[in-house]
Amino acid sequence: MIGTGFLLEELDRGELAEVICVEGNKDWIARMAELGIRPGQQVRVLQPGSPCLVSLVGSRLSLRLGNSGRVWVVRSGANHAPR
């Protein structure tokens, strides 16, 4: 855990979070930014784990996290959608 942050894949289904940090090599970080995964971006977890399915800005992304890099997030208010 980084401060009060969590890894994206640790969140539960339906949780809303804000990206606070993207770690990895520069090419991976650049690719995440191209996909919209960058600090300040809100994401909702549709399927936790790896691959992790997230929703952001009207898109859905499937991310296989782990060795490539890490996405650190903080939970946002009014988090859980009905399961």
Protein backbone atom coordinates (compact mmCIF):
# COMPACT_ATOMS: atom_id res chain seq x y z
CA MET A 1 0.00 0.00 0.00
CA ILE A 2 1.27 3.46 -0.88
CA GLY A 3 0.08 5.92 1.79
CA THR A 4 -3.69 5.46 1.80
CA GLY A 5 -3.67 3.92 -1.67
CA PHE A 6 -4.32 0.41 -2.91
CA LEU A 7 -3.39 -1.53 -6.02
CA LEU A 8 -6.18 -1.36 -8.58
CA GLU A 9 -6.57 -5.15 -8.68
CA GLU A 10 -7.18 -5.23 -4.89
CA LEU A 11 -10.47 -3.35 -5.12
CA ASP A 12 -13.84 -5.08 -5.09
CA ARG A 13 -16.32 -5.31 -7.94
CA GLY A 14 -18.25 -2.04 -8.27
CA GLU A 15 -15.76 0.13 -6.38
CA LEU A 16 -15.01 3.59 -7.73
CA ALA A 17 -11.47 4.86 -7.33
CA GLU A 18 -9.12 7.62 -8.45
CA VAL A 19 -5.73 6.77 -9.94
CA ILE A 20 -2.94 8.34 -7.87
CA CYS A 21 0.18 6.73 -9.37
CA VAL A 22 1.18 4.49 -12.27
CA GLU A 23 4.46 2.58 -11.78
CA GLY A 24 6.46 0.61 -14.30
CA ASN A 25 8.83 1.15 -17.18
CA LYS A 26 8.34 4.32 -19.20
CA ASP A 27 6.77 2.52 -22.18
CA TRP A 28 4.18 0.80 -19.97
CA ILE A 29 3.35 4.07 -18.18
CA ALA A 30 2.97 5.81 -21.57
CA ARG A 31 0.67 3.03 -22.81
CA MET A 32 -1.49 3.28 -19.68
CA ALA A 33 -1.75 7.07 -20.24
CA GLU A 34 -2.84 6.46 -23.86
CA LEU A 35 -5.59 4.20 -22.54
CA GLY A 36 -6.68 6.84 -20.00
CA ILE A 37 -5.10 5.27 -16.90
CA ARG A 38 -3.31 8.29 -15.43
CA PRO A 39 -3.27 10.17 -12.11
CA GLY A 40 -6.58 11.93 -11.44
CA GLN A 41 -8.65 9.56 -13.60
CA GLN A 42 -11.73 7.94 -12.04
CA VAL A 43 -12.16 4.22 -12.69
CA ARG A 44 -14.80 1.69 -11.65
CA VAL A 45 -13.82 -1.93 -11.11
CA LEU A 46 -16.09 -4.27 -13.08
CA GLN A 47 -14.05 -7.42 -12.40
CA PRO A 48 -11.27 -7.47 -9.80
CA GLY A 49 -8.03 -9.43 -10.06
CA SER A 50 -5.73 -9.88 -13.02
CA PRO A 51 -6.92 -9.40 -15.62
CA CYS A 52 -8.81 -6.53 -14.04
CA LEU A 53 -11.79 -5.17 -15.99
CA VAL A 54 -12.39 -1.45 -15.41
CA SER A 55 -14.71 1.21 -16.76
CA LEU A 56 -13.52 4.75 -17.42
CA VAL A 57 -14.80 7.64 -19.55
CA GLY A 58 -17.33 5.44 -21.35
CA SER A 59 -14.81 2.68 -22.15
CA ARG A 60 -14.04 -0.72 -20.69
CA LEU A 61 -10.47 -1.95 -20.37
CA SER A 62 -9.09 -5.34 -19.44
CA LEU A 63 -5.73 -4.91 -17.73
CA ARG A 64 -3.30 -7.70 -16.94
CA LEU A 65 -1.34 -6.13 -14.12
CA GLY A 66 1.53 -7.49 -12.12
CA ASN A 67 5.03 -7.80 -13.55
CA SER A 68 4.46 -5.08 -16.15
CA GLY A 69 3.57 -2.34 -13.69
CA ARG A 70 1.27 -1.18 -10.95
CA VAL A 71 -1.67 1.17 -10.78
CA TRP A 72 -2.19 2.75 -7.35
CA VAL A 73 -5.63 4.18 -6.50
CA VAL A 74 -7.60 5.71 -3.64
CA ARG A 75 -11.21 4.78 -3.06
CA SER A 76 -13.78 7.42 -3.95
CA GLY A 77 -16.95 8.21 -1.96
CA ALA A 78 -20.27 6.43 -2.64
CA ASN A 79 -18.29 3.45 -3.78
CA HIS A 80 -20.15 0.22 -4.18
CA ALA A 81 -22.65 -0.42 -6.90
CA PRO A 82 -25.20 -3.13 -6.16
CA ARG A 83 -23.76 -6.63 -6.68
